[in-house]
Amino acid sequence: MEKSLENIVTVYAEATPNPASMKFVANKMFLPNDSADFRTAASTDRSPLAKALFEMPFVNGVFIMNNFVSITKNDDYEWFDLIPDLRSFFTEWIEDGKEIVLQNQILSEEEEGEIEKKIRQLLDDHVKPAVEMDGGAIDFKSFKDGVVTVQMKGSCSGCPSSTMTLKAGIENLLRRMVPEVQAVEAEAV
């Protein structure tokens, strides 16, 4: 049976600022408008894809969002050797229609004040797109006593440049736009 153009799956690899992470981008959605970060094999119960990836000896982390998966590898392997097999793996997984992430019930958002809404909007509009381009994600967690707490996921988690991005970029933006913000801290994943 011949495939129509819309059923052809393409996957390409894209470097991230974190040398231990590589972003694999598909022309199909993995997890639209949500993200899932897996730092251990034991945490993969809700993702058959992440569970299968952790069976590979080089995988140290899996982050799934929109149309990409970021893989964090251990130092014993080189991306040059891994990319062709991973591209094939993702292409086959999508073509076979295998489950990516099991959908659990959506939790309702907590009531937020005006400051929290403004912070969330600034992160969504100005920070998230850039972080996602680098194979990661940033989630707003809380605002208390002048401190914004965020969670860095995917290739941003453990990336050498994420601390500088957090302080020089995100903190400066939020302090300039929301005078109540005094600092931005990252919560460990």
N, C-alpha and C. Protein backbone atom coordinates (compact mmCIF):
# COMPACT_ATOMS: atom_id res chain seq x y z
N MET A 1 0.84 -1.19 0.00
CA MET A 1 0.00 0.00 0.00
C MET A 1 0.88 1.25 0.00
N GLU A 2 0.55 2.19 -0.86
CA GLU A 2 1.34 3.40 -0.99
C GLU A 2 0.93 4.41 0.08
N LYS A 3 1.93 5.14 0.60
CA LYS A 3 1.64 6.15 1.62
C LYS A 3 1.29 7.48 0.96
N SER A 4 0.30 8.17 1.49
CA SER A 4 0.02 9.51 1.00
C SER A 4 1.01 10.46 1.65
N LEU A 5 1.17 11.63 1.05
CA LEU A 5 2.16 12.59 1.56
C LEU A 5 1.92 12.97 3.01
N GLU A 6 0.65 13.10 3.41
CA GLU A 6 0.38 13.50 4.80
C GLU A 6 0.69 12.40 5.81
N ASN A 7 0.86 11.16 5.34
CA ASN A 7 1.18 10.06 6.25
C ASN A 7 2.68 9.78 6.34
N ILE A 8 3.48 10.48 5.55
CA ILE A 8 4.93 10.28 5.60
C ILE A 8 5.47 10.95 6.86
N VAL A 9 6.21 10.19 7.64
CA VAL A 9 6.78 10.70 8.88
C VAL A 9 8.24 11.09 8.63
N THR A 10 8.58 12.30 9.03
CA THR A 10 9.98 12.73 8.96
C THR A 10 10.43 13.14 10.36
N VAL A 11 11.67 12.80 10.66
CA VAL A 11 12.27 13.15 11.95
C VAL A 11 13.68 13.64 11.69
N TYR A 12 14.04 14.77 12.29
CA TYR A 12 15.41 15.24 12.18
C TYR A 12 15.96 15.56 13.56
N ALA A 13 17.28 15.52 13.66
CA ALA A 13 17.95 15.81 14.93
C ALA A 13 18.44 17.25 14.91
N GLU A 14 18.36 17.89 16.07
CA GLU A 14 18.78 19.29 16.20
C GLU A 14 19.56 19.44 17.50
N ALA A 15 20.74 20.03 17.40
CA ALA A 15 21.56 20.23 18.59
C ALA A 15 20.88 21.21 19.54
N THR A 16 21.18 21.08 20.83
CA THR A 16 20.69 22.00 21.85
C THR A 16 21.91 22.64 22.51
N PRO A 17 21.72 23.69 23.29
CA PRO A 17 22.87 24.27 24.01
C PRO A 17 23.51 23.32 25.01
N ASN A 18 22.78 22.31 25.42
CA ASN A 18 23.31 21.30 26.33
C ASN A 18 23.96 20.20 25.49
N PRO A 19 25.29 20.06 25.54
CA PRO A 19 25.95 19.06 24.69
C PRO A 19 25.53 17.61 24.98
N ALA A 20 24.95 17.36 26.14
CA ALA A 20 24.50 16.01 26.49
C ALA A 20 23.10 15.72 25.97
N SER A 21 22.41 16.74 25.41
CA SER A 21 21.04 16.56 24.94
C SER A 21 20.92 16.84 23.45
N MET A 22 20.06 16.09 22.79
CA MET A 22 19.76 16.27 21.38
C MET A 22 18.25 16.28 21.24
N LYS A 23 17.77 17.17 20.39
CA LYS A 23 16.34 17.34 20.15
C LYS A 23 15.99 16.62 18.86
N PHE A 24 14.97 15.74 18.90
CA PHE A 24 14.49 15.04 17.73
C PHE A 24 13.11 15.57 17.39
N VAL A 25 13.00 16.21 16.23
CA VAL A 25 11.78 16.91 15.82
C VAL A 25 11.09 16.12 14.73
N ALA A 26 9.77 15.95 14.89
CA ALA A 26 8.97 15.19 13.92
C ALA A 26 7.95 16.11 13.25
N ASN A 27 7.43 15.67 12.13
CA ASN A 27 6.36 16.42 11.48
C ASN A 27 4.99 15.99 12.00
N LYS A 28 4.98 15.27 13.10
CA LYS A 28 3.74 14.85 13.79
C LYS A 28 3.84 15.24 15.26
N MET A 29 2.71 15.43 15.88
CA MET A 29 2.69 15.81 17.29
C MET A 29 2.91 14.60 18.19
N PHE A 30 3.77 14.79 19.19
CA PHE A 30 3.98 13.79 20.24
C PHE A 30 3.03 14.07 21.41
N LEU A 31 3.10 15.30 21.88
CA LEU A 31 2.33 15.70 23.07
C LEU A 31 1.95 17.17 22.92
N PRO A 32 0.84 17.46 22.25
CA PRO A 32 0.47 18.86 22.00
C PRO A 32 0.10 19.60 23.28
N ASN A 33 0.63 20.81 23.40
CA ASN A 33 0.29 21.74 24.49
C ASN A 33 0.55 21.19 25.88
N ASP A 34 1.49 20.31 26.00
CA ASP A 34 1.84 19.76 27.31
C ASP A 34 3.27 19.26 27.22
N SER A 35 3.83 18.87 28.34
CA SER A 35 5.18 18.31 28.33
C SER A 35 5.28 17.21 29.38
N ALA A 36 6.25 16.33 29.17
CA ALA A 36 6.49 15.26 30.13
C ALA A 36 8.01 15.07 30.23
N ASP A 37 8.53 15.12 31.44
CA ASP A 37 9.96 15.03 31.67
C ASP A 37 10.25 13.78 32.50
N PHE A 38 11.13 12.93 32.00
CA PHE A 38 11.47 11.69 32.67
C PHE A 38 12.97 11.66 32.92
N ARG A 39 13.36 11.67 34.20
CA ARG A 39 14.78 11.69 34.56
C ARG A 39 15.31 10.32 34.95
N THR A 40 14.40 9.36 35.15
CA THR A 40 14.81 8.00 35.52
C THR A 40 13.89 7.01 34.81
N ALA A 41 14.38 5.78 34.64
CA ALA A 41 13.57 4.72 34.04
C ALA A 41 12.35 4.42 34.91
N ALA A 42 12.52 4.53 36.21
CA ALA A 42 11.43 4.23 37.14
C ALA A 42 10.26 5.21 37.02
N SER A 43 10.50 6.39 36.45
CA SER A 43 9.45 7.41 36.37
C SER A 43 8.64 7.33 35.07
N THR A 44 8.85 6.30 34.24
CA THR A 44 8.26 6.28 32.90
C THR A 44 6.92 5.54 32.79
N ASP A 45 6.27 5.27 33.89
CA ASP A 45 5.02 4.49 33.86
C ASP A 45 3.97 5.08 32.93
N ARG A 46 3.92 6.40 32.80
CA ARG A 46 2.88 7.00 31.97
C ARG A 46 3.31 7.23 30.53
N SER A 47 4.50 6.74 30.14
CA SER A 47 4.96 6.94 28.77
C SER A 47 5.63 5.68 28.20
N PRO A 48 4.91 4.95 27.36
CA PRO A 48 5.53 3.80 26.70
C PRO A 48 6.77 4.20 25.88
N LEU A 49 6.74 5.38 25.26
CA LEU A 49 7.89 5.84 24.48
C LEU A 49 9.11 6.06 25.37
N ALA A 50 8.93 6.78 26.48
CA ALA A 50 10.05 7.02 27.39
C ALA A 50 10.57 5.71 27.97
N LYS A 51 9.66 4.81 28.30
CA LYS A 51 10.07 3.49 28.84
C LYS A 51 10.97 2.77 27.84
N ALA A 52 10.58 2.76 26.56
CA ALA A 52 11.37 2.10 25.52
C ALA A 52 12.72 2.79 25.34
N LEU A 53 12.74 4.12 25.42
CA LEU A 53 14.01 4.85 25.27
C LEU A 53 14.97 4.53 26.42
N PHE A 54 14.45 4.44 27.64
CA PHE A 54 15.31 4.14 28.79
C PHE A 54 15.88 2.72 28.74
N GLU A 55 15.34 1.87 27.88
CA GLU A 55 15.93 0.54 27.70
C GLU A 55 17.22 0.60 26.89
N MET A 56 17.45 1.76 26.25
CA MET A 56 18.70 1.95 25.50
C MET A 56 19.79 2.35 26.50
N PRO A 57 20.98 1.78 26.39
CA PRO A 57 22.00 1.95 27.43
C PRO A 57 22.55 3.38 27.59
N PHE A 58 22.34 4.23 26.62
CA PHE A 58 22.92 5.58 26.67
C PHE A 58 21.96 6.64 27.20
N VAL A 59 20.69 6.32 27.41
CA VAL A 59 19.68 7.31 27.77
C VAL A 59 19.72 7.64 29.26
N ASN A 60 19.87 8.94 29.56
CA ASN A 60 19.85 9.44 30.94
C ASN A 60 18.62 10.29 31.23
N GLY A 61 17.91 10.70 30.19
CA GLY A 61 16.74 11.53 30.38
C GLY A 61 15.95 11.64 29.09
N VAL A 62 14.62 11.80 29.23
CA VAL A 62 13.72 11.94 28.09
C VAL A 62 12.75 13.06 28.40
N PHE A 63 12.61 13.99 27.46
CA PHE A 63 11.66 15.09 27.60
C PHE A 63 10.81 15.11 26.34
N ILE A 64 9.49 15.08 26.50
CA ILE A 64 8.57 15.03 25.37
C ILE A 64 7.68 16.26 25.42
N MET A 65 7.58 16.95 24.26
CA MET A 65 6.73 18.13 24.19
C MET A 65 6.37 18.41 22.75
N ASN A 66 5.14 18.84 22.50
CA ASN A 66 4.68 19.20 21.16
C ASN A 66 5.15 18.17 20.13
N ASN A 67 6.00 18.59 19.20
CA ASN A 67 6.45 17.69 18.13
C ASN A 67 7.91 17.28 18.28
N PHE A 68 8.43 17.31 19.51
CA PHE A 68 9.82 16.90 19.68
C PHE A 68 10.04 16.09 20.95
N VAL A 69 11.14 15.34 20.92
CA VAL A 69 11.62 14.59 22.07
C VAL A 69 13.08 14.98 22.25
N SER A 70 13.45 15.42 23.45
CA SER A 70 14.86 15.68 23.77
C SER A 70 15.39 14.49 24.55
N ILE A 71 16.52 13.99 24.11
CA ILE A 71 17.17 12.86 24.77
C ILE A 71 18.44 13.39 25.42
N THR A 72 18.65 13.04 26.68
CA THR A 72 19.91 13.34 27.35
C THR A 72 20.66 12.02 27.47
N LYS A 73 21.91 12.03 27.00
CA LYS A 73 22.70 10.80 26.96
C LYS A 73 23.79 10.85 28.02
N ASN A 74 24.37 9.68 28.30
CA ASN A 74 25.53 9.67 29.18
C ASN A 74 26.79 9.90 28.34
N ASP A 75 27.90 10.18 29.00
CA ASP A 75 29.12 10.60 28.32
C ASP A 75 29.86 9.47 27.60
N ASP A 76 29.42 8.23 27.76
CA ASP A 76 30.10 7.10 27.12
C ASP A 76 29.78 6.96 25.64
N TYR A 77 28.84 7.75 25.13
CA TYR A 77 28.39 7.62 23.75
C TYR A 77 28.51 8.96 23.03
N GLU A 78 28.63 8.91 21.69
CA GLU A 78 28.71 10.11 20.86
C GLU A 78 27.43 10.23 20.03
N TRP A 79 26.92 11.45 19.89
CA TRP A 79 25.71 11.67 19.12
C TRP A 79 25.84 11.18 17.68
N PHE A 80 27.01 11.34 17.11
CA PHE A 80 27.25 10.91 15.73
C PHE A 80 26.83 9.45 15.52
N ASP A 81 27.10 8.62 16.51
CA ASP A 81 26.78 7.19 16.41
C ASP A 81 25.30 6.90 16.70
N LEU A 82 24.66 7.77 17.45
CA LEU A 82 23.30 7.50 17.94
C LEU A 82 22.18 8.06 17.05
N ILE A 83 22.43 9.18 16.41
CA ILE A 83 21.37 9.91 15.69
C ILE A 83 20.67 9.07 14.63
N PRO A 84 21.38 8.37 13.73
CA PRO A 84 20.64 7.61 12.70
C PRO A 84 19.68 6.57 13.29
N ASP A 85 20.12 5.84 14.29
CA ASP A 85 19.25 4.83 14.91
C ASP A 85 18.06 5.46 15.63
N LEU A 86 18.29 6.59 16.30
CA LEU A 86 17.20 7.24 17.02
C LEU A 86 16.17 7.83 16.03
N ARG A 87 16.63 8.39 14.93
CA ARG A 87 15.70 8.91 13.92
C ARG A 87 14.82 7.77 13.40
N SER A 88 15.42 6.64 13.12
CA SER A 88 14.66 5.47 12.64
C SER A 88 13.68 4.98 13.71
N PHE A 89 14.16 4.95 14.96
CA PHE A 89 13.32 4.51 16.08
C PHE A 89 12.07 5.38 16.18
N PHE A 90 12.24 6.73 16.16
CA PHE A 90 11.10 7.64 16.28
C PHE A 90 10.16 7.52 15.08
N THR A 91 10.73 7.43 13.88
CA THR A 91 9.91 7.32 12.67
C THR A 91 9.04 6.07 12.73
N GLU A 92 9.64 4.95 13.09
CA GLU A 92 8.90 3.69 13.18
C GLU A 92 7.84 3.75 14.28
N TRP A 93 8.17 4.33 15.42
CA TRP A 93 7.24 4.43 16.55
C TRP A 93 5.99 5.19 16.12
N ILE A 94 6.20 6.32 15.43
CA ILE A 94 5.07 7.15 15.00
C ILE A 94 4.27 6.43 13.91
N GLU A 95 4.96 5.85 12.93
CA GLU A 95 4.27 5.15 11.83
C GLU A 95 3.44 3.99 12.35
N ASP A 96 3.92 3.31 13.38
CA ASP A 96 3.19 2.18 13.97
C ASP A 96 2.03 2.63 14.86
N GLY A 97 1.93 3.93 15.11
CA GLY A 97 0.84 4.47 15.93
C GLY A 97 0.93 4.09 17.39
N LYS A 98 2.13 3.83 17.86
CA LYS A 98 2.31 3.45 19.26
C LYS A 98 2.05 4.65 20.18
N GLU A 99 1.62 4.33 21.40
CA GLU A 99 1.31 5.34 22.41
C GLU A 99 2.57 6.10 22.82
N ILE A 100 2.47 7.42 22.93
CA ILE A 100 3.60 8.26 23.33
C ILE A 100 3.55 8.49 24.85
N VAL A 101 2.48 9.16 25.28
CA VAL A 101 2.26 9.43 26.71
C VAL A 101 0.80 9.12 27.01
N LEU A 102 0.55 8.34 28.04
CA LEU A 102 -0.82 8.04 28.44
C LEU A 102 -1.44 9.31 29.01
N GLN A 103 -2.59 9.64 28.53
CA GLN A 103 -3.24 10.87 28.97
C GLN A 103 -3.94 10.63 30.31
N ASN A 104 -3.56 11.46 31.27
CA ASN A 104 -4.26 11.39 32.56
C ASN A 104 -5.19 12.58 32.64
N GLN A 105 -6.01 12.62 33.64
CA GLN A 105 -6.99 13.69 33.72
C GLN A 105 -6.32 15.03 33.91
N ILE A 106 -6.89 16.02 33.28
CA ILE A 106 -6.34 17.37 33.33
C ILE A 106 -6.72 18.01 34.66
N LEU A 107 -5.72 18.54 35.33
CA LEU A 107 -5.97 19.19 36.61
C LEU A 107 -6.39 20.63 36.38
N SER A 108 -7.35 21.11 37.14
CA SER A 108 -7.76 22.51 36.98
C SER A 108 -6.70 23.42 37.61
N GLU A 109 -6.48 24.58 36.96
CA GLU A 109 -5.47 25.51 37.46
C GLU A 109 -5.96 26.17 38.74
N GLU A 110 -5.01 26.44 39.62
CA GLU A 110 -5.34 27.14 40.86
C GLU A 110 -5.72 28.58 40.53
N GLU A 111 -6.44 29.17 41.43
CA GLU A 111 -6.75 30.59 41.27
C GLU A 111 -5.46 31.38 41.40
N GLU A 112 -5.24 32.28 40.45
CA GLU A 112 -4.02 33.09 40.47
C GLU A 112 -4.38 34.55 40.63
N GLY A 113 -3.47 35.27 41.26
CA GLY A 113 -3.61 36.70 41.38
C GLY A 113 -3.12 37.38 40.11
N GLU A 114 -3.26 38.69 40.05
CA GLU A 114 -2.85 39.46 38.86
C GLU A 114 -1.35 39.35 38.60
N ILE A 115 -0.53 39.36 39.65
CA ILE A 115 0.92 39.28 39.47
C ILE A 115 1.29 37.93 38.85
N GLU A 116 0.72 36.85 39.38
CA GLU A 116 1.01 35.52 38.85
C GLU A 116 0.59 35.41 37.39
N LYS A 117 -0.59 35.97 37.05
CA LYS A 117 -1.07 35.94 35.67
C LYS A 117 -0.11 36.68 34.75
N LYS A 118 0.38 37.84 35.22
CA LYS A 118 1.31 38.63 34.41
C LYS A 118 2.64 37.88 34.22
N ILE A 119 3.13 37.26 35.27
CA ILE A 119 4.38 36.47 35.20
C ILE A 119 4.19 35.31 34.22
N ARG A 120 3.10 34.58 34.36
CA ARG A 120 2.82 33.44 33.48
C ARG A 120 2.73 33.90 32.02
N GLN A 121 2.07 35.03 31.79
CA GLN A 121 1.92 35.55 30.42
C GLN A 121 3.28 35.94 29.82
N LEU A 122 4.13 36.59 30.62
CA LEU A 122 5.47 36.96 30.15
C LEU A 122 6.29 35.70 29.82
N LEU A 123 6.22 34.71 30.67
CA LEU A 123 6.94 33.46 30.40
C LEU A 123 6.41 32.80 29.13
N ASP A 124 5.08 32.74 28.98
CA ASP A 124 4.48 32.12 27.80
C ASP A 124 4.85 32.85 26.51
N ASP A 125 4.83 34.17 26.55
CA ASP A 125 5.04 34.97 25.33
C ASP A 125 6.51 35.14 24.97
N HIS A 126 7.38 35.31 25.97
CA HIS A 126 8.77 35.71 25.69
C HIS A 126 9.82 34.66 26.00
N VAL A 127 9.54 33.76 26.93
CA VAL A 127 10.57 32.82 27.37
C VAL A 127 10.35 31.42 26.78
N LYS A 128 9.13 30.91 26.90
CA LYS A 128 8.86 29.54 26.45
C LYS A 128 9.27 29.27 25.00
N PRO A 129 8.94 30.16 24.06
CA PRO A 129 9.32 29.85 22.66
C PRO A 129 10.84 29.64 22.50
N ALA A 130 11.64 30.46 23.14
CA ALA A 130 13.10 30.33 23.02
C ALA A 130 13.60 29.06 23.70
N VAL A 131 13.05 28.75 24.86
CA VAL A 131 13.46 27.56 25.60
C VAL A 131 13.07 26.30 24.81
N GLU A 132 11.87 26.32 24.21
CA GLU A 132 11.42 25.18 23.41
C GLU A 132 12.30 24.98 22.18
N MET A 133 12.78 26.07 21.59
CA MET A 133 13.68 25.96 20.43
C MET A 133 14.94 25.20 20.81
N ASP A 134 15.34 25.30 22.07
CA ASP A 134 16.55 24.64 22.55
C ASP A 134 16.27 23.23 23.09
N GLY A 135 15.04 22.74 22.91
CA GLY A 135 14.73 21.37 23.31
C GLY A 135 14.31 21.21 24.75
N GLY A 136 13.87 22.30 25.37
CA GLY A 136 13.47 22.22 26.76
C GLY A 136 12.14 22.90 27.00
N ALA A 137 11.85 23.12 28.25
CA ALA A 137 10.62 23.81 28.64
C ALA A 137 10.83 24.48 29.98
N ILE A 138 10.02 25.48 30.24
CA ILE A 138 10.04 26.16 31.53
C ILE A 138 8.60 26.25 32.01
N ASP A 139 8.36 25.87 33.24
CA ASP A 139 7.03 25.94 33.83
C ASP A 139 7.04 26.86 35.03
N PHE A 140 6.04 27.73 35.10
CA PHE A 140 5.85 28.58 36.26
C PHE A 140 5.33 27.73 37.40
N LYS A 141 5.95 27.83 38.58
CA LYS A 141 5.52 27.06 39.73
C LYS A 141 4.84 27.94 40.78
N SER A 142 5.52 29.05 41.15
CA SER A 142 4.93 29.89 42.21
C SER A 142 5.56 31.27 42.23
N PHE A 143 4.89 32.17 42.94
CA PHE A 143 5.42 33.50 43.24
C PHE A 143 5.13 33.77 44.71
N LYS A 144 6.20 33.91 45.49
CA LYS A 144 6.03 34.12 46.92
C LYS A 144 7.17 35.00 47.44
N ASP A 145 6.83 36.02 48.20
CA ASP A 145 7.80 36.91 48.83
C ASP A 145 8.80 37.48 47.82
N GLY A 146 8.32 37.84 46.63
CA GLY A 146 9.17 38.44 45.62
C GLY A 146 9.97 37.47 44.78
N VAL A 147 9.86 36.17 45.06
CA VAL A 147 10.64 35.16 44.35
C VAL A 147 9.73 34.33 43.44
N VAL A 148 10.09 34.32 42.15
CA VAL A 148 9.39 33.47 41.18
C VAL A 148 10.13 32.14 41.13
N THR A 149 9.39 31.05 41.26
CA THR A 149 9.98 29.72 41.14
C THR A 149 9.50 29.10 39.85
N VAL A 150 10.46 28.63 39.04
CA VAL A 150 10.17 27.97 37.78
C VAL A 150 10.81 26.60 37.78
N GLN A 151 10.38 25.76 36.87
CA GLN A 151 10.99 24.44 36.72
C GLN A 151 11.52 24.35 35.29
N MET A 152 12.80 24.04 35.16
CA MET A 152 13.44 23.87 33.86
C MET A 152 13.41 22.39 33.51
N LYS A 153 12.95 22.06 32.30
CA LYS A 153 12.81 20.66 31.89
C LYS A 153 13.54 20.40 30.58
N GLY A 154 13.64 19.12 30.25
CA GLY A 154 14.24 18.73 28.98
C GLY A 154 15.72 19.03 28.94
N SER A 155 16.18 19.53 27.80
CA SER A 155 17.62 19.79 27.66
C SER A 155 18.06 20.92 28.57
N CYS A 156 17.13 21.72 29.07
CA CYS A 156 17.48 22.82 29.99
C CYS A 156 17.83 22.31 31.38
N SER A 157 17.30 21.17 31.75
CA SER A 157 17.58 20.59 33.05
C SER A 157 19.01 20.07 33.05
N GLY A 158 19.85 20.68 33.86
CA GLY A 158 21.24 20.27 33.93
C GLY A 158 22.14 20.90 32.88
N CYS A 159 21.59 21.78 32.06
CA CYS A 159 22.40 22.44 31.03
C CYS A 159 23.30 23.48 31.67
N PRO A 160 24.59 23.51 31.27
CA PRO A 160 25.52 24.49 31.86
C PRO A 160 25.07 25.94 31.67
N SER A 161 24.39 26.24 30.56
CA SER A 161 24.02 27.64 30.32
C SER A 161 22.65 28.01 30.89
N SER A 162 21.92 27.06 31.46
CA SER A 162 20.57 27.38 31.94
C SER A 162 20.57 28.33 33.14
N THR A 163 21.58 28.25 33.99
CA THR A 163 21.66 29.17 35.13
C THR A 163 21.84 30.60 34.65
N MET A 164 22.70 30.79 33.65
CA MET A 164 22.90 32.13 33.10
C MET A 164 21.63 32.62 32.42
N THR A 165 20.97 31.76 31.67
CA THR A 165 19.71 32.12 31.02
C THR A 165 18.68 32.53 32.07
N LEU A 166 18.63 31.77 33.15
CA LEU A 166 17.66 32.03 34.20
C LEU A 166 17.91 33.40 34.83
N LYS A 167 19.15 33.66 35.23
CA LYS A 167 19.46 34.91 35.93
C LYS A 167 19.56 36.11 34.99
N ALA A 168 20.34 35.98 33.92
CA ALA A 168 20.57 37.13 33.04
C ALA A 168 19.37 37.44 32.15
N GLY A 169 18.66 36.41 31.72
CA GLY A 169 17.55 36.64 30.80
C GLY A 169 16.21 36.73 31.49
N ILE A 170 15.79 35.63 32.09
CA ILE A 170 14.44 35.55 32.64
C ILE A 170 14.25 36.48 33.83
N GLU A 171 15.21 36.45 34.76
CA GLU A 171 15.09 37.30 35.95
C GLU A 171 15.08 38.78 35.56
N ASN A 172 15.96 39.19 34.64
CA ASN A 172 15.98 40.60 34.22
C ASN A 172 14.66 41.00 33.57
N LEU A 173 14.12 40.15 32.71
CA LEU A 173 12.84 40.43 32.05
C LEU A 173 11.73 40.61 33.08
N LEU A 174 11.60 39.65 33.98
CA LEU A 174 10.51 39.71 34.96
C LEU A 174 10.67 40.87 35.93
N ARG A 175 11.89 41.16 36.36
CA ARG A 175 12.10 42.29 37.28
C ARG A 175 11.76 43.62 36.61
N ARG A 176 12.07 43.72 35.31
CA ARG A 176 11.78 44.95 34.57
C ARG A 176 10.28 45.12 34.34
N MET A 177 9.58 44.02 34.04
CA MET A 177 8.16 44.10 33.67
C MET A 177 7.20 43.97 34.86
N VAL A 178 7.67 43.34 35.93
CA VAL A 178 6.83 43.14 37.12
C VAL A 178 7.66 43.59 38.33
N PRO A 179 7.49 44.84 38.76
CA PRO A 179 8.33 45.39 39.84
C PRO A 179 8.32 44.58 41.13
N GLU A 180 7.27 43.80 41.37
CA GLU A 180 7.19 42.99 42.59
C GLU A 180 8.19 41.83 42.60
N VAL A 181 8.69 41.47 41.43
CA VAL A 181 9.63 40.34 41.32
C VAL A 181 11.02 40.81 41.72
N GLN A 182 11.62 40.10 42.68
CA GLN A 182 12.98 40.40 43.13
C GLN A 182 13.98 39.37 42.64
N ALA A 183 13.55 38.12 42.44
CA ALA A 183 14.47 37.07 42.02
C ALA A 183 13.69 35.95 41.33
N VAL A 184 14.44 35.14 40.55
CA VAL A 184 13.86 33.96 39.92
C VAL A 184 14.75 32.78 40.29
N GLU A 185 14.13 31.72 40.78
CA GLU A 185 14.85 30.52 41.18
C GLU A 185 14.31 29.32 40.41
N ALA A 186 15.19 28.37 40.15
CA ALA A 186 14.77 27.13 39.48
C ALA A 186 14.56 26.04 40.51
N GLU A 187 13.46 25.34 40.40
CA GLU A 187 13.15 24.20 41.26
C GLU A 187 13.75 22.96 40.60
N ALA A 188 14.35 22.11 41.38
CA ALA A 188 14.93 20.88 40.84
C ALA A 188 13.84 19.96 40.34
N VAL A 189 14.15 19.27 39.23
CA VAL A 189 13.18 18.32 38.66
C VAL A 189 13.24 17.03 39.43
